[in-house]
C-alpha atoms as a PDB file:
ATOM      1  CA  MET A   1      -1.325  19.701 -12.251  1.00  0.00           C
ATOM      2  CA  ASN A   2      -0.081  16.293 -11.144  1.00  0.00           C
ATOM      3  CA  LYS A   3      -1.117  15.719  -7.511  1.00  0.00           C
ATOM      4  CA  LEU A   4       1.027  12.612  -7.084  1.00  0.00           C
ATOM      5  CA  PRO A   5       4.620  12.320  -5.816  1.00  0.00           C
ATOM      6  CA  GLN A   6       7.701  11.629  -7.900  1.00  0.00           C
ATOM      7  CA  ILE A   7       8.693   7.962  -7.975  1.00  0.00           C
ATOM      8  CA  THR A   8      12.027   7.945  -6.163  1.00  0.00           C
ATOM      9  CA  LEU A   9      13.779   5.666  -3.683  1.00  0.00           C
ATOM     10  CA  ALA A  10      12.217   7.710  -0.861  1.00  0.00           C
ATOM     11  CA  PHE A  11       8.766   6.963  -2.318  1.00  0.00           C
ATOM     12  CA  TRP A  12       9.348   3.209  -2.133  1.00  0.00           C
ATOM     13  CA  VAL A  13      10.775   3.379   1.389  1.00  0.00           C
ATOM     14  CA  MET A  14       7.710   5.318   2.534  1.00  0.00           C
ATOM     15  CA  LYS A  15       5.400   2.926   0.658  1.00  0.00           C
ATOM     16  CA  ILE A  16       6.880  -0.132   2.408  1.00  0.00           C
ATOM     17  CA  CYS A  17       6.759   1.638   5.769  1.00  0.00           C
ATOM     18  CA  ALA A  18       3.125   2.690   5.212  1.00  0.00           C
ATOM     19  CA  THR A  19       2.025  -0.778   4.099  1.00  0.00           C
ATOM     20  CA  THR A  20       3.794  -2.441   7.029  1.00  0.00           C
ATOM     21  CA  LEU A  21       2.089   0.017   9.385  1.00  0.00           C
ATOM     22  CA  GLY A  22      -1.207  -0.718   7.625  1.00  0.00           C
ATOM     23  CA  GLU A  23      -0.769  -4.398   8.435  1.00  0.00           C
ATOM     24  CA  THR A  24       0.050  -3.860  12.113  1.00  0.00           C
ATOM     25  CA  ALA A  25      -2.590  -1.129  12.599  1.00  0.00           C
ATOM     26  CA  GLY A  26      -5.265  -3.187  10.839  1.00  0.00           C
ATOM     27  CA  ASP A  27      -4.476  -6.178  13.051  1.00  0.00           C
ATOM     28  CA  LEU A  28      -4.462  -3.890  16.093  1.00  0.00           C
ATOM     29  CA  LEU A  29      -8.029  -2.809  15.372  1.00  0.00           C
ATOM     30  CA  SER A  30      -9.503  -6.128  14.228  1.00  0.00           C
ATOM     31  CA  MET A  31      -7.614  -8.563  16.484  1.00  0.00           C
ATOM     32  CA  THR A  32      -5.924  -6.863  19.460  1.00  0.00           C
ATOM     33  CA  LEU A  33      -8.904  -4.592  20.169  1.00  0.00           C
ATOM     34  CA  ASN A  34     -11.233  -7.435  19.107  1.00  0.00           C
ATOM     35  CA  VAL A  35     -13.377  -5.220  16.883  1.00  0.00           C
ATOM     36  CA  GLY A  36     -13.660  -7.948  14.248  1.00  0.00           C
ATOM     37  CA  TYR A  37     -12.895  -8.016  10.545  1.00  0.00           C
ATOM     38  CA  ALA A  38     -16.322  -6.916   9.282  1.00  0.00           C
ATOM     39  CA  VAL A  39     -16.685  -3.907  11.593  1.00  0.00           C
ATOM     40  CA  SER A  40     -13.005  -2.998  11.166  1.00  0.00           C
ATOM     41  CA  SER A  41     -13.440  -3.057   7.378  1.00  0.00           C
ATOM     42  CA  LEU A  42     -16.459  -0.737   7.582  1.00  0.00           C
ATOM     43  CA  ILE A  43     -14.603   1.693   9.872  1.00  0.00           C
ATOM     44  CA  LEU A  44     -11.417   1.742   7.815  1.00  0.00           C
ATOM     45  CA  ILE A  45     -13.210   1.941   4.447  1.00  0.00           C
ATOM     46  CA  SER A  46     -15.108   4.950   5.820  1.00  0.00           C
ATOM     47  CA  VAL A  47     -11.781   6.537   6.790  1.00  0.00           C
ATOM     48  CA  PHE A  48     -10.445   5.766   3.316  1.00  0.00           C
ATOM     49  CA  VAL A  49     -13.467   7.393   1.625  1.00  0.00           C
ATOM     50  CA  LEU A  50     -13.126  10.491   3.818  1.00  0.00           C
ATOM     51  CA  THR A  51      -9.414  10.893   3.141  1.00  0.00           C
ATOM     52  CA  LEU A  52      -9.885  10.139  -0.566  1.00  0.00           C
ATOM     53  CA  VAL A  53     -12.550  12.830  -0.951  1.00  0.00           C
ATOM     54  CA  THR A  54     -10.175  15.305   0.698  1.00  0.00           C
ATOM     55  CA  GLN A  55      -7.381  14.241  -1.670  1.00  0.00           C
ATOM     56  CA  LEU A  56      -9.629  14.567  -4.725  1.00  0.00           C
ATOM     57  CA  MET A  57     -10.680  18.062  -3.650  1.00  0.00           C
ATOM     58  CA  SER A  58      -7.076  19.175  -3.266  1.00  0.00           C
ATOM     59  CA  LYS A  59      -5.626  21.147  -6.176  1.00  0.00           C
ATOM     60  CA  THR A  60      -1.945  20.348  -5.553  1.00  0.00           C
ATOM     61  CA  TYR A  61       0.257  17.549  -4.265  1.00  0.00           C
ATOM     62  CA  LYS A  62       0.318  17.583  -0.461  1.00  0.00           C
ATOM     63  CA  PRO A  63       2.630  14.918   0.997  1.00  0.00           C
ATOM     64  CA  VAL A  64       0.832  14.636   4.348  1.00  0.00           C
ATOM     65  CA  LEU A  65      -2.566  14.168   2.730  1.00  0.00           C
ATOM     66  CA  TYR A  66      -1.259  11.787   0.058  1.00  0.00           C
ATOM     67  CA  TRP A  67       0.409   9.455   2.552  1.00  0.00           C
ATOM     68  CA  ILE A  68      -2.591   9.520   4.879  1.00  0.00           C
ATOM     69  CA  VAL A  69      -4.682   8.213   1.969  1.00  0.00           C
ATOM     70  CA  ILE A  70      -2.029   5.567   1.209  1.00  0.00           C
ATOM     71  CA  LEU A  71      -2.060   4.513   4.858  1.00  0.00           C
ATOM     72  CA  SER A  72      -5.870   4.371   4.897  1.00  0.00           C
ATOM     73  CA  THR A  73      -5.872   2.100   1.805  1.00  0.00           C
ATOM     74  CA  SER A  74      -3.323  -0.124   3.506  1.00  0.00           C
ATOM     75  CA  THR A  75      -5.240  -0.506   6.774  1.00  0.00           C
ATOM     76  CA  ALA A  76      -8.547  -0.943   4.922  1.00  0.00           C
ATOM     77  CA  GLY A  77      -6.914  -3.465   2.606  1.00  0.00           C
ATOM     78  CA  THR A  78      -5.703  -5.502   5.581  1.00  0.00           C
ATOM     79  CA  THR A  79      -9.138  -5.896   7.135  1.00  0.00           C
ATOM     80  CA  MET A  80     -10.892  -6.331   3.759  1.00  0.00           C
ATOM     81  CA  SER A  81      -8.549  -9.188   2.906  1.00  0.00           C
ATOM     82  CA  ASP A  82      -8.942 -10.793   6.332  1.00  0.00           C
ATOM     83  CA  PHE A  83     -12.742 -10.509   6.058  1.00  0.00           C
ATOM     84  CA  MET A  84     -12.728 -12.267   2.673  1.00  0.00           C
ATOM     85  CA  ASP A  85     -10.194 -14.925   3.563  1.00  0.00           C
ATOM     86  CA  ARG A  86     -11.180 -15.679   7.166  1.00  0.00           C
ATOM     87  CA  THR A  87     -14.701 -14.470   7.953  1.00  0.00           C
ATOM     88  CA  LEU A  88     -16.148 -15.532   4.592  1.00  0.00           C
ATOM     89  CA  GLY A  89     -13.908 -18.604   4.604  1.00  0.00           C
ATOM     90  CA  LEU A  90     -12.608 -18.129   1.057  1.00  0.00           C
ATOM     91  CA  GLY A  91      -9.016 -18.858   2.037  1.00  0.00           C
ATOM     92  CA  TYR A  92      -5.895 -16.979   1.029  1.00  0.00           C
ATOM     93  CA  ALA A  93      -5.460 -18.608  -2.404  1.00  0.00           C
ATOM     94  CA  THR A  94      -9.077 -18.109  -3.525  1.00  0.00           C
ATOM     95  CA  GLY A  95      -9.181 -14.605  -2.050  1.00  0.00           C
ATOM     96  CA  SER A  96      -5.984 -13.707  -3.909  1.00  0.00           C
ATOM     97  CA  MET A  97      -7.355 -14.980  -7.229  1.00  0.00           C
ATOM     98  CA  ILE A  98     -10.563 -12.948  -6.798  1.00  0.00           C
ATOM     99  CA  LEU A  99      -8.568  -9.809  -5.965  1.00  0.00           C
ATOM    100  CA  ILE A 100      -6.236 -10.341  -8.928  1.00  0.00           C
ATOM    101  CA  ALA A 101      -9.292 -10.502 -11.199  1.00  0.00           C
ATOM    102  CA  ILE A 102     -10.714  -7.304  -9.670  1.00  0.00           C
ATOM    103  CA  LEU A 103      -7.388  -5.488 -10.028  1.00  0.00           C
ATOM    104  CA  LEU A 104      -6.982  -6.568 -13.652  1.00  0.00           C
ATOM    105  CA  GLY A 105     -10.539  -5.374 -14.287  1.00  0.00           C
ATOM    106  CA  ILE A 106      -9.659  -1.959 -12.843  1.00  0.00           C
ATOM    107  CA  PHE A 107      -6.578  -1.701 -15.069  1.00  0.00           C
ATOM    108  CA  ALA A 108      -8.599  -2.762 -18.125  1.00  0.00           C
ATOM    109  CA  ALA A 109     -11.298  -0.167 -17.438  1.00  0.00           C
ATOM    110  CA  TRP A 110      -8.618   2.449 -16.784  1.00  0.00           C
ATOM    111  CA  ARG A 111      -6.921   1.667 -20.095  1.00  0.00           C
ATOM    112  CA  LEU A 112     -10.202   1.684 -22.023  1.00  0.00           C
ATOM    113  CA  SER A 113     -11.144   5.043 -20.488  1.00  0.00           C
ATOM    114  CA  GLY A 114      -8.357   6.689 -22.490  1.00  0.00           C
ATOM    115  CA  ASP A 115      -6.444   7.907 -19.417  1.00  0.00           C
ATOM    116  CA  SER A 116      -2.804   6.891 -19.071  1.00  0.00           C
ATOM    117  CA  LEU A 117      -1.820   4.263 -16.503  1.00  0.00           C
ATOM    118  CA  ASN A 118       1.472   6.121 -16.141  1.00  0.00           C
ATOM    119  CA  VAL A 119       1.326   7.627 -12.642  1.00  0.00           C
ATOM    120  CA  THR A 120       3.414  10.603 -13.750  1.00  0.00           C
ATOM    121  CA  LYS A 121       0.617  11.557 -16.146  1.00  0.00           C
ATOM    122  CA  VAL A 122      -2.436  11.201 -13.885  1.00  0.00           C
ATOM    123  CA  GLN A 123      -3.929  14.664 -14.279  1.00  0.00           C
ATOM    124  CA  THR A 124      -7.691  14.100 -14.565  1.00  0.00           C
ATOM    125  CA  PHE A 125     -10.326  13.362 -11.940  1.00  0.00           C
ATOM    126  CA  ARG A 126     -11.224  10.090 -13.658  1.00  0.00           C
ATOM    127  CA  GLY A 127      -7.592   9.021 -13.850  1.00  0.00           C
ATOM    128  CA  GLU A 128      -7.076   9.815 -10.186  1.00  0.00           C
ATOM    129  CA  MET A 129     -10.131   7.748  -9.230  1.00  0.00           C
ATOM    130  CA  PHE A 130      -8.770   4.752 -11.150  1.00  0.00           C
ATOM    131  CA  TYR A 131      -5.378   5.329  -9.491  1.00  0.00           C
ATOM    132  CA  TRP A 132      -6.803   5.141  -5.977  1.00  0.00           C
ATOM    133  CA  MET A 133      -9.051   2.182  -6.736  1.00  0.00           C
ATOM    134  CA  ALA A 134      -6.024   0.323  -8.092  1.00  0.00           C
ATOM    135  CA  ILE A 135      -4.064   1.192  -4.952  1.00  0.00           C
ATOM    136  CA  LEU A 136      -6.859   0.062  -2.614  1.00  0.00           C
ATOM    137  CA  PHE A 137      -7.235  -3.332  -4.270  1.00  0.00           C
ATOM    138  CA  SER A 138      -3.496  -3.805  -4.795  1.00  0.00           C
ATOM    139  CA  ASN A 139      -3.037  -3.335  -1.058  1.00  0.00           C
ATOM    140  CA  THR A 140      -5.893  -5.759  -0.356  1.00  0.00           C
ATOM    141  CA  LEU A 141      -4.366  -8.280  -2.753  1.00  0.00           C
ATOM    142  CA  GLY A 142      -0.958  -7.784  -1.185  1.00  0.00           C
ATOM    143  CA  THR A 143      -2.337  -8.668   2.245  1.00  0.00           C
ATOM    144  CA  ALA A 144      -3.867 -11.899   0.926  1.00  0.00           C
ATOM    145  CA  LEU A 145      -0.652 -12.850  -0.888  1.00  0.00           C
ATOM    146  CA  GLY A 146       1.442 -12.074   2.173  1.00  0.00           C
ATOM    147  CA  ASP A 147      -0.795 -14.201   4.398  1.00  0.00           C
ATOM    148  CA  TYR A 148      -0.700 -17.027   1.869  1.00  0.00           C
ATOM    149  CA  LEU A 149       3.097 -17.004   1.773  1.00  0.00           C
ATOM    150  CA  ALA A 150       3.409 -16.761   5.548  1.00  0.00           C
ATOM    151  CA  ASP A 151       0.722 -19.292   6.536  1.00  0.00           C
ATOM    152  CA  ASP A 152      -0.078 -21.678   3.670  1.00  0.00           C
ATOM    153  CA  SER A 153       3.140 -21.909   1.670  1.00  0.00           C
ATOM    154  CA  GLY A 154       5.292 -23.101   4.561  1.00  0.00           C
ATOM    155  CA  LEU A 155       7.787 -20.255   4.137  1.00  0.00           C
ATOM    156  CA  GLY A 156       6.831 -18.504   7.364  1.00  0.00           C
ATOM    157  CA  PHE A 157       6.912 -14.749   7.960  1.00  0.00           C
ATOM    158  CA  ALA A 158      10.664 -14.274   7.482  1.00  0.00           C
ATOM    159  CA  GLY A 159      10.760 -16.620   4.462  1.00  0.00           C
ATOM    160  CA  GLY A 160       7.808 -14.861   2.833  1.00  0.00           C
ATOM    161  CA  ALA A 161       9.397 -11.449   3.343  1.00  0.00           C
ATOM    162  CA  LEU A 162      12.684 -12.739   1.897  1.00  0.00           C
ATOM    163  CA  LEU A 163      10.961 -14.186  -1.182  1.00  0.00           C
ATOM    164  CA  ILE A 164       8.978 -11.018  -1.886  1.00  0.00           C
ATOM    165  CA  GLY A 165      12.028  -8.834  -1.209  1.00  0.00           C
ATOM    166  CA  SER A 166      14.045 -10.871  -3.705  1.00  0.00           C
ATOM    167  CA  THR A 167      11.256 -10.573  -6.278  1.00  0.00           C
ATOM    168  CA  ILE A 168      11.203  -6.800  -5.814  1.00  0.00           C
ATOM    169  CA  ALA A 169      14.973  -6.760  -6.388  1.00  0.00           C
ATOM    170  CA  VAL A 170      14.406  -8.607  -9.682  1.00  0.00           C
ATOM    171  CA  VAL A 171      11.834  -5.976 -10.713  1.00  0.00           C
ATOM    172  CA  VAL A 172      14.409  -3.256  -9.998  1.00  0.00           C
ATOM    173  CA  LEU A 173      16.937  -5.019 -12.225  1.00  0.00           C
ATOM    174  CA  LEU A 174      14.334  -5.359 -14.976  1.00  0.00           C
ATOM    175  CA  LYS A 175      13.695  -1.631 -14.701  1.00  0.00           C
ATOM    176  CA  TYR A 176      17.315  -0.707 -15.368  1.00  0.00           C
ATOM    177  CA  PHE A 177      18.489  -3.500 -17.646  1.00  0.00           C
ATOM    178  CA  THR A 178      15.504  -4.303 -19.870  1.00  0.00           C
ATOM    179  CA  LYS A 179      13.052  -2.420 -22.053  1.00  0.00           C
ATOM    180  CA  ILE A 180       9.970  -3.705 -20.223  1.00  0.00           C
ATOM    181  CA  SER A 181       7.391  -0.947 -19.795  1.00  0.00           C
ATOM    182  CA  SER A 182       8.092   1.215 -16.756  1.00  0.00           C
ATOM    183  CA  VAL A 183       4.335   1.471 -16.182  1.00  0.00           C
ATOM    184  CA  VAL A 184       3.999  -2.329 -15.943  1.00  0.00           C
ATOM    185  CA  LEU A 185       7.018  -2.620 -13.647  1.00  0.00           C
ATOM    186  CA  PHE A 186       5.730   0.186 -11.405  1.00  0.00           C
ATOM    187  CA  TRP A 187       2.416  -1.551 -10.775  1.00  0.00           C
ATOM    188  CA  VAL A 188       4.105  -4.936 -10.299  1.00  0.00           C
ATOM    189  CA  ALA A 189       6.401  -3.354  -7.712  1.00  0.00           C
ATOM    190  CA  PHE A 190       3.479  -1.524  -6.113  1.00  0.00           C
ATOM    191  CA  VAL A 191       1.565  -4.771  -5.654  1.00  0.00           C
ATOM    192  CA  LEU A 192       4.638  -6.632  -4.379  1.00  0.00           C
ATOM    193  CA  THR A 193       5.536  -4.042  -1.754  1.00  0.00           C
ATOM    194  CA  ARG A 194       2.212  -4.743  -0.049  1.00  0.00           C
ATOM    195  CA  PRO A 195       2.820  -8.456   0.684  1.00  0.00           C
ATOM    196  CA  PHE A 196       6.372  -7.508   1.636  1.00  0.00           C
ATOM    197  CA  GLY A 197       4.917  -5.053   4.155  1.00  0.00           C
ATOM    198  CA  ALA A 198       2.313  -7.624   5.243  1.00  0.00           C
ATOM    199  CA  THR A 199       4.839 -10.372   5.913  1.00  0.00           C
ATOM    200  CA  LEU A 200       7.234  -7.905   7.522  1.00  0.00           C
ATOM    201  CA  GLY A 201       4.416  -6.638   9.733  1.00  0.00           C
ATOM    202  CA  ASP A 202       3.507 -10.186  10.762  1.00  0.00           C
ATOM    203  CA  PHE A 203       7.177 -10.929  11.399  1.00  0.00           C
ATOM    204  CA  LEU A 204       7.328  -7.963  13.783  1.00  0.00           C
ATOM    205  CA  THR A 205       4.085  -8.679  15.641  1.00  0.00           C
ATOM    206  CA  LYS A 206       3.626 -12.457  15.813  1.00  0.00           C
ATOM    207  CA  PRO A 207       4.904 -14.453  18.820  1.00  0.00           C
ATOM    208  CA  HIS A 208       8.189 -16.351  18.773  1.00  0.00           C
ATOM    209  CA  GLU A 209       6.506 -19.749  18.513  1.00  0.00           C
ATOM    210  CA  LYS A 210       4.935 -18.636  15.222  1.00  0.00           C
ATOM    211  CA  GLY A 211       8.226 -17.367  13.841  1.00  0.00           C
ATOM    212  CA  GLY A 212       7.778 -13.681  14.683  1.00  0.00           C
ATOM    213  CA  LEU A 213       9.678 -11.181  16.831  1.00  0.00           C
ATOM    214  CA  ASP A 214       6.720 -10.701  19.227  1.00  0.00           C
ATOM    215  CA  PHE A 215       6.876  -6.893  19.302  1.00  0.00           C
ATOM    216  CA  GLY A 216       3.081  -6.821  19.358  1.00  0.00           C
ATOM    217  CA  THR A 217       0.691  -4.759  17.239  1.00  0.00           C
ATOM    218  CA  VAL A 218       0.819  -1.730  19.546  1.00  0.00           C
ATOM    219  CA  GLY A 219       4.606  -1.467  19.810  1.00  0.00           C
ATOM    220  CA  SER A 220       5.203  -2.182  16.123  1.00  0.00           C
ATOM    221  CA  SER A 221       2.528   0.306  15.036  1.00  0.00           C
ATOM    222  CA  LEU A 222       3.989   3.069  17.227  1.00  0.00           C
ATOM    223  CA  VAL A 223       7.530   2.541  15.911  1.00  0.00           C
ATOM    224  CA  LEU A 224       6.405   2.406  12.283  1.00  0.00           C
ATOM    225  CA  ALA A 225       4.168   5.464  12.747  1.00  0.00           C
ATOM    226  CA  GLY A 226       7.129   7.394  14.144  1.00  0.00           C
ATOM    227  CA  ILE A 227       9.323   6.462  11.188  1.00  0.00           C
ATOM    228  CA  LEU A 228       6.595   7.376   8.708  1.00  0.00           C
ATOM    229  CA  VAL A 229       5.966  10.747  10.383  1.00  0.00           C
ATOM    230  CA  VAL A 230       9.660  11.612  10.053  1.00  0.00           C
ATOM    231  CA  LEU A 231       9.703  10.602   6.378  1.00  0.00           C
ATOM    232  CA  ILE A 232       6.512  12.543   5.605  1.00  0.00           C
ATOM    233  CA  ALA A 233       7.915  15.612   7.373  1.00  0.00           C
ATOM    234  CA  GLY A 234      11.002  15.377   5.164  1.00  0.00           C
ATOM    235  CA  ALA A 235       8.856  15.052   2.030  1.00  0.00           C
ATOM    236  CA  SER A 236       6.741  18.048   3.088  1.00  0.00           C
ATOM    237  CA  TYR A 237       9.858  20.140   3.678  1.00  0.00           C
ATOM    238  CA  ALA A 238      11.233  19.229   0.255  1.00  0.00           C
ATOM    239  CA  GLN A 239       7.872  19.988  -1.388  1.00  0.00           C
ATOM    240  CA  ASN A 240       7.674  23.405   0.305  1.00  0.00           C
ATOM    241  CA  ARG A 241      11.176  24.285  -0.866  1.00  0.00           C
ATOM    242  CA  PHE A 242      10.294  23.186  -4.400  1.00  0.00           C
ATOM    243  CA  GLY A 243       7.118  25.314  -4.349  1.00  0.00           C
ATOM    244  CA  LYS A 244       8.958  28.398  -3.108  1.00  0.00           C
ATOM    245  CA  ARG A 245      11.618  27.948  -5.781  1.00  0.00           C
ATOM    246  CA  GLN A 246       8.943  27.747  -8.476  1.00  0.00           C
ATOM    247  CA  VAL A 247       7.310  30.934  -7.196  1.00  0.00           C
ATOM    248  CA  ALA A 248      10.687  32.708  -7.140  1.00  0.00           C
ATOM    249  CA  GLU A 249      11.369  31.660 -10.731  1.00  0.00           C
ATOM    250  CA  LEU A 250       7.970  32.943 -11.889  1.00  0.00           C
ATOM    251  CA  THR A 251       8.451  36.307 -10.203  1.00  0.00           C
END
């Protein structure tokens, strides 16, 4: 049984919300609370492993659990990227290139394993492991790309978010008006929504003199968490209704 959600507009809204929250929450832990990138990465990777094990042990799709894992990959990805780019001094461009290589390696291994990269057909333990590894590193890559656009490219936070948002719109058009593989377009969109969330998160939290709205990491995280909770509750309600309807049809 497929333990992953259907790819709908609601999925993408929740994905952007979760990745934006991952950016603000990751910065809250590593910067506002001054825990540091290395320690924050260890804490958040541990949370990711714990939530992932729970997800892998689950037999059915559970919206709350699924989105908690997504959120944990997003927060872990934020601090992992910052550790590579800032603590190790690799820089955003070099860090992004390394992460692109890692992500391509995951996709290559996934393809060679014989499991489908189509997320609607992930029904094996091995396929699900590849799925979550791809998500973790796509979120890490997205953070590095978002920081590069916001800090090194000269676009700023708002400009970076606008560029990525426009690119996502192009991917949507390609989905409906070309014959490009839906699997390829899904993963392109999945990667792009992370830097969109990263730049949007920075735009919300950074001070006015840096081009942000200065809502702070605490305020932004609380607002985004509230929105995500409402969306997850709606997804859980819809999933419960779907499950009851299936049971009624079988009986």
